Structure formats: structure tokens, C-alpha cells
Amino acid sequence: MLTDLTFILVVVLAVTVNVLILLAVLVQFGLVLTLPGIAGIILTIGMAVDANVLINERIREELRRNKTSRAAVDSGYANATRTIVDANVTTLIAAGILLWFGTGPIQGFAVTLSIGILSSMFTALVLTRVIMEAATRNRSHAKLSI
């Protein structure tokens, strides 16, 4: 049976992997981490947590409709994906504008934020889904306790 602790651990893992991917990309391209870059990382963490909260709330809604755990996870991700993508694309557009019109530190913020948003979308929509589907694989009729 999946509990609130399971969801918390999945979110913590996803946010940790998100930050590690972001830092790995920054190192790979030789980008320097400045104060605006740190602000971009903090904003990325906030958006990653928000995406995971959206997913978990959608799963809870499906469970309230008495769906099985597997069906609730599938429906929860299906319903949350569009909202998450819309929010992140909007932020990417804003970061693109900052990158285009900004100078120095503003561009560093925009680059860090853009990389972070892309890694956040990956971890929220792919990594956590794989983990949740693995956790519910043999429990199609079990109930989630969240």
C-alpha cells in the first residue's frame, strides 16, 4: 500500500535529481554559477515542487472517485500533464525574453532557469511517473492511502 511517505519520498527524489541534472548541465557547458543563477535554481526547485503537488493532488482526486491505484496514477498524470506543461512553457517564454533583452546577470538567471525548467519537466513527468507506476505495478486493485 502506498502512503503519504511514499509520495514525499518520490517528490524529494525528483527534486534532488532535478537539481543534480541542472548542476551537471551547468558544469558540462562550463557555466559559472552566480547569485542570479542561484535564484534561478531556487525558482526551479519551487516549480518542481509545484508540479509534483499538482500530480499528487490529481491522483488524490482520482482516488476519491474510487479508482484503483494504477488507474488513479494513470489518470492523475494524464490530467496534470497539460497544466504542468502550460506553466513551464509560459516560464520558458519569459526566460527567453529575459535572455534576449537582458544583460549579464539577467541572462545568467534566464539560462539557469531555462535549464532548470526543462529538467523539472523531465523529472516531474517522466521520472516520478516511472517510480509511481513501478510502485503500483502489481497492485492494480489495491487502494492508495493518501
C-alpha atoms as a PDB file:
ATOM      1  CA  MET A   1       0.000   0.000   0.000  1.00  0.00           C
ATOM      2  CA  LEU A   2       1.305   3.425  -0.890  1.00  0.00           C
ATOM      3  CA  THR A   3       1.258   6.047   1.818  1.00  0.00           C
ATOM      4  CA  ASP A   4       1.908   9.750   2.139  1.00  0.00           C
ATOM      5  CA  LEU A   5       5.507   8.885   2.984  1.00  0.00           C
ATOM      6  CA  THR A   6       5.890   7.193  -0.397  1.00  0.00           C
ATOM      7  CA  PHE A   7       4.714  10.316  -2.187  1.00  0.00           C
ATOM      8  CA  ILE A   8       7.002  12.505  -0.095  1.00  0.00           C
ATOM      9  CA  LEU A   9       9.997  10.305  -0.873  1.00  0.00           C
ATOM     10  CA  VAL A  10       9.185  10.362  -4.586  1.00  0.00           C
ATOM     11  CA  VAL A  11       8.982  14.175  -4.551  1.00  0.00           C
ATOM     12  CA  VAL A  12      12.241  14.521  -2.606  1.00  0.00           C
ATOM     13  CA  LEU A  13      13.965  12.152  -5.034  1.00  0.00           C
ATOM     14  CA  ALA A  14      12.572  14.024  -8.042  1.00  0.00           C
ATOM     15  CA  VAL A  15      13.662  17.439  -6.762  1.00  0.00           C
ATOM     16  CA  THR A  16      17.112  16.102  -5.869  1.00  0.00           C
ATOM     17  CA  VAL A  17      17.556  14.552  -9.317  1.00  0.00           C
ATOM     18  CA  ASN A  18      16.282  17.797 -10.861  1.00  0.00           C
ATOM     19  CA  VAL A  19      18.955  19.867  -9.087  1.00  0.00           C
ATOM     20  CA  LEU A  20      21.657  17.311  -9.935  1.00  0.00           C
ATOM     21  CA  ILE A  21      20.700  17.382 -13.625  1.00  0.00           C
ATOM     22  CA  LEU A  22      20.697  21.185 -13.573  1.00  0.00           C
ATOM     23  CA  LEU A  23      24.129  21.363 -11.943  1.00  0.00           C
ATOM     24  CA  ALA A  24      25.506  18.693 -14.303  1.00  0.00           C
ATOM     25  CA  VAL A  25      24.371  20.684 -17.343  1.00  0.00           C
ATOM     26  CA  LEU A  26      25.863  23.887 -15.927  1.00  0.00           C
ATOM     27  CA  VAL A  27      29.186  22.110 -15.324  1.00  0.00           C
ATOM     28  CA  GLN A  28      29.119  20.402 -18.728  1.00  0.00           C
ATOM     29  CA  PHE A  29      28.769  23.726 -20.540  1.00  0.00           C
ATOM     30  CA  GLY A  30      31.235  25.495 -18.259  1.00  0.00           C
ATOM     31  CA  LEU A  31      28.686  27.996 -16.993  1.00  0.00           C
ATOM     32  CA  VAL A  32      29.513  29.968 -13.867  1.00  0.00           C
ATOM     33  CA  LEU A  33      27.042  29.917 -11.004  1.00  0.00           C
ATOM     34  CA  THR A  34      26.294  33.471  -9.883  1.00  0.00           C
ATOM     35  CA  LEU A  35      23.785  34.927  -7.450  1.00  0.00           C
ATOM     36  CA  PRO A  36      21.133  35.295 -10.190  1.00  0.00           C
ATOM     37  CA  GLY A  37      21.878  31.690 -11.167  1.00  0.00           C
ATOM     38  CA  ILE A  38      21.234  30.592  -7.598  1.00  0.00           C
ATOM     39  CA  ALA A  39      17.936  32.493  -7.733  1.00  0.00           C
ATOM     40  CA  GLY A  40      17.109  30.545 -10.907  1.00  0.00           C
ATOM     41  CA  ILE A  41      17.843  27.281  -9.109  1.00  0.00           C
ATOM     42  CA  ILE A  42      15.614  28.279  -6.190  1.00  0.00           C
ATOM     43  CA  LEU A  43      12.780  29.184  -8.568  1.00  0.00           C
ATOM     44  CA  THR A  44      13.297  25.869 -10.370  1.00  0.00           C
ATOM     45  CA  ILE A  45      13.015  23.962  -7.089  1.00  0.00           C
ATOM     46  CA  GLY A  46       9.776  25.782  -6.313  1.00  0.00           C
ATOM     47  CA  MET A  47       8.310  24.958  -9.702  1.00  0.00           C
ATOM     48  CA  ALA A  48       9.408  21.319  -9.404  1.00  0.00           C
ATOM     49  CA  VAL A  49       7.665  21.003  -6.048  1.00  0.00           C
ATOM     50  CA  ASP A  50       4.573  22.687  -7.503  1.00  0.00           C
ATOM     51  CA  ALA A  51       4.451  20.215 -10.396  1.00  0.00           C
ATOM     52  CA  ASN A  52       4.687  17.279  -8.020  1.00  0.00           C
ATOM     53  CA  VAL A  53       1.990  18.715  -5.752  1.00  0.00           C
ATOM     54  CA  LEU A  54      -0.277  19.071  -8.800  1.00  0.00           C
ATOM     55  CA  ILE A  55       0.312  15.458  -9.767  1.00  0.00           C
ATOM     56  CA  ASN A  56      -0.286  14.154  -6.251  1.00  0.00           C
ATOM     57  CA  GLU A  57      -3.483  16.185  -5.873  1.00  0.00           C
ATOM     58  CA  ARG A  58      -4.791  14.875  -9.191  1.00  0.00           C
ATOM     59  CA  ILE A  59      -4.053  11.331  -8.032  1.00  0.00           C
ATOM     60  CA  ARG A  60      -5.941  12.039  -4.798  1.00  0.00           C
ATOM     61  CA  GLU A  61      -8.925  13.311  -6.811  1.00  0.00           C
ATOM     62  CA  GLU A  62      -8.958  10.085  -8.784  1.00  0.00           C
ATOM     63  CA  LEU A  63      -8.758   8.020  -5.602  1.00  0.00           C
ATOM     64  CA  ARG A  64     -11.767   9.891  -4.212  1.00  0.00           C
ATOM     65  CA  ARG A  65     -13.639   8.647  -7.281  1.00  0.00           C
ATOM     66  CA  ASN A  66     -12.863   5.104  -6.070  1.00  0.00           C
ATOM     67  CA  LYS A  67     -10.403   4.244  -8.830  1.00  0.00           C
ATOM     68  CA  THR A  68      -7.750   1.601  -8.310  1.00  0.00           C
ATOM     69  CA  SER A  69      -4.249   2.776  -7.507  1.00  0.00           C
ATOM     70  CA  ARG A  70      -2.969   2.029 -11.006  1.00  0.00           C
ATOM     71  CA  ALA A  71      -5.887   3.811 -12.696  1.00  0.00           C
ATOM     72  CA  ALA A  72      -5.566   6.749 -10.290  1.00  0.00           C
ATOM     73  CA  VAL A  73      -1.875   7.169 -11.104  1.00  0.00           C
ATOM     74  CA  ASP A  74      -2.530   6.975 -14.854  1.00  0.00           C
ATOM     75  CA  SER A  75      -5.430   9.436 -14.712  1.00  0.00           C
ATOM     76  CA  GLY A  76      -3.620  11.730 -12.296  1.00  0.00           C
ATOM     77  CA  TYR A  77      -0.647  12.110 -14.595  1.00  0.00           C
ATOM     78  CA  ALA A  78      -2.851  12.470 -17.666  1.00  0.00           C
ATOM     79  CA  ASN A  79      -4.840  15.263 -16.027  1.00  0.00           C
ATOM     80  CA  ALA A  80      -1.842  17.091 -14.566  1.00  0.00           C
ATOM     81  CA  THR A  81       0.439  16.957 -17.613  1.00  0.00           C
ATOM     82  CA  ARG A  82      -1.230  19.741 -19.580  1.00  0.00           C
ATOM     83  CA  THR A  83      -1.259  22.116 -16.615  1.00  0.00           C
ATOM     84  CA  ILE A  84       2.398  21.444 -15.844  1.00  0.00           C
ATOM     85  CA  VAL A  85       3.475  21.855 -19.465  1.00  0.00           C
ATOM     86  CA  ASP A  86       1.486  25.103 -19.823  1.00  0.00           C
ATOM     87  CA  ALA A  87       3.019  26.605 -16.683  1.00  0.00           C
ATOM     88  CA  ASN A  88       6.539  25.595 -17.655  1.00  0.00           C
ATOM     89  CA  VAL A  89       6.242  26.768 -21.268  1.00  0.00           C
ATOM     90  CA  THR A  90       5.000  30.144 -20.029  1.00  0.00           C
ATOM     91  CA  THR A  91       8.034  30.394 -17.753  1.00  0.00           C
ATOM     92  CA  LEU A  92      10.338  29.356 -20.611  1.00  0.00           C
ATOM     93  CA  ILE A  93       8.889  32.125 -22.783  1.00  0.00           C
ATOM     94  CA  ALA A  94       9.555  34.658 -20.024  1.00  0.00           C
ATOM     95  CA  ALA A  95      13.094  33.291 -19.609  1.00  0.00           C
ATOM     96  CA  GLY A  96      13.614  33.585 -23.369  1.00  0.00           C
ATOM     97  CA  ILE A  97      12.578  37.232 -23.265  1.00  0.00           C
ATOM     98  CA  LEU A  98      14.963  37.849 -20.354  1.00  0.00           C
ATOM     99  CA  LEU A  99      17.745  36.100 -22.260  1.00  0.00           C
ATOM    100  CA  TRP A 100      17.094  38.131 -25.396  1.00  0.00           C
ATOM    101  CA  PHE A 101      16.747  41.569 -23.810  1.00  0.00           C
ATOM    102  CA  GLY A 102      18.734  41.151 -20.590  1.00  0.00           C
ATOM    103  CA  THR A 103      22.407  41.666 -19.941  1.00  0.00           C
ATOM    104  CA  GLY A 104      24.996  39.745 -17.918  1.00  0.00           C
ATOM    105  CA  PRO A 105      23.414  38.591 -14.668  1.00  0.00           C
ATOM    106  CA  ILE A 106      19.884  38.643 -16.089  1.00  0.00           C
ATOM    107  CA  GLN A 107      20.975  36.352 -18.900  1.00  0.00           C
ATOM    108  CA  GLY A 108      22.614  34.023 -16.370  1.00  0.00           C
ATOM    109  CA  PHE A 109      19.337  33.860 -14.462  1.00  0.00           C
ATOM    110  CA  ALA A 110      17.439  33.135 -17.683  1.00  0.00           C
ATOM    111  CA  VAL A 111      19.824  30.359 -18.751  1.00  0.00           C
ATOM    112  CA  THR A 112      19.795  28.697 -15.334  1.00  0.00           C
ATOM    113  CA  LEU A 113      16.024  28.975 -15.123  1.00  0.00           C
ATOM    114  CA  SER A 114      15.542  27.526 -18.618  1.00  0.00           C
ATOM    115  CA  ILE A 115      17.766  24.532 -17.947  1.00  0.00           C
ATOM    116  CA  GLY A 116      16.067  24.032 -14.592  1.00  0.00           C
ATOM    117  CA  ILE A 117      12.574  24.168 -16.072  1.00  0.00           C
ATOM    118  CA  LEU A 118      13.451  21.569 -18.703  1.00  0.00           C
ATOM    119  CA  SER A 119      14.961  19.235 -16.117  1.00  0.00           C
ATOM    120  CA  SER A 120      11.986  19.876 -13.829  1.00  0.00           C
ATOM    121  CA  MET A 121       9.558  18.830 -16.549  1.00  0.00           C
ATOM    122  CA  PHE A 122      11.578  15.679 -17.153  1.00  0.00           C
ATOM    123  CA  THR A 123      11.697  14.688 -13.500  1.00  0.00           C
ATOM    124  CA  ALA A 124       8.043  15.541 -12.805  1.00  0.00           C
ATOM    125  CA  LEU A 125       6.522  13.955 -15.899  1.00  0.00           C
ATOM    126  CA  VAL A 126       8.898  11.068 -16.604  1.00  0.00           C
ATOM    127  CA  LEU A 127      10.930  10.096 -13.540  1.00  0.00           C
ATOM    128  CA  THR A 128       8.151  10.300 -10.959  1.00  0.00           C
ATOM    129  CA  ARG A 129       5.722   8.556 -13.289  1.00  0.00           C
ATOM    130  CA  VAL A 130       8.099   5.636 -13.766  1.00  0.00           C
ATOM    131  CA  ILE A 131       8.542   5.364  -9.999  1.00  0.00           C
ATOM    132  CA  MET A 132       4.804   5.585  -9.274  1.00  0.00           C
ATOM    133  CA  GLU A 133       3.952   3.053 -11.976  1.00  0.00           C
ATOM    134  CA  ALA A 134       6.575   0.686 -10.589  1.00  0.00           C
ATOM    135  CA  ALA A 135       5.124   1.124  -7.112  1.00  0.00           C
ATOM    136  CA  THR A 136       1.623   0.265  -8.350  1.00  0.00           C
ATOM    137  CA  ARG A 137       2.584  -2.353 -10.950  1.00  0.00           C
ATOM    138  CA  ASN A 138       1.241  -5.401  -9.123  1.00  0.00           C
ATOM    139  CA  ARG A 139      -1.349  -3.505  -7.168  1.00  0.00           C
ATOM    140  CA  SER A 140      -3.970  -2.708  -9.770  1.00  0.00           C
ATOM    141  CA  HIS A 141      -6.748  -3.418  -7.274  1.00  0.00           C
ATOM    142  CA  ALA A 142      -5.059  -2.026  -4.181  1.00  0.00           C
ATOM    143  CA  LYS A 143      -6.016   1.300  -2.687  1.00  0.00           C
ATOM    144  CA  LEU A 144      -3.596   4.129  -2.107  1.00  0.00           C
ATOM    145  CA  SER A 145      -3.616   5.674   1.335  1.00  0.00           C
ATOM    146  CA  ILE A 146      -3.056   9.367   0.733  1.00  0.00           C
END
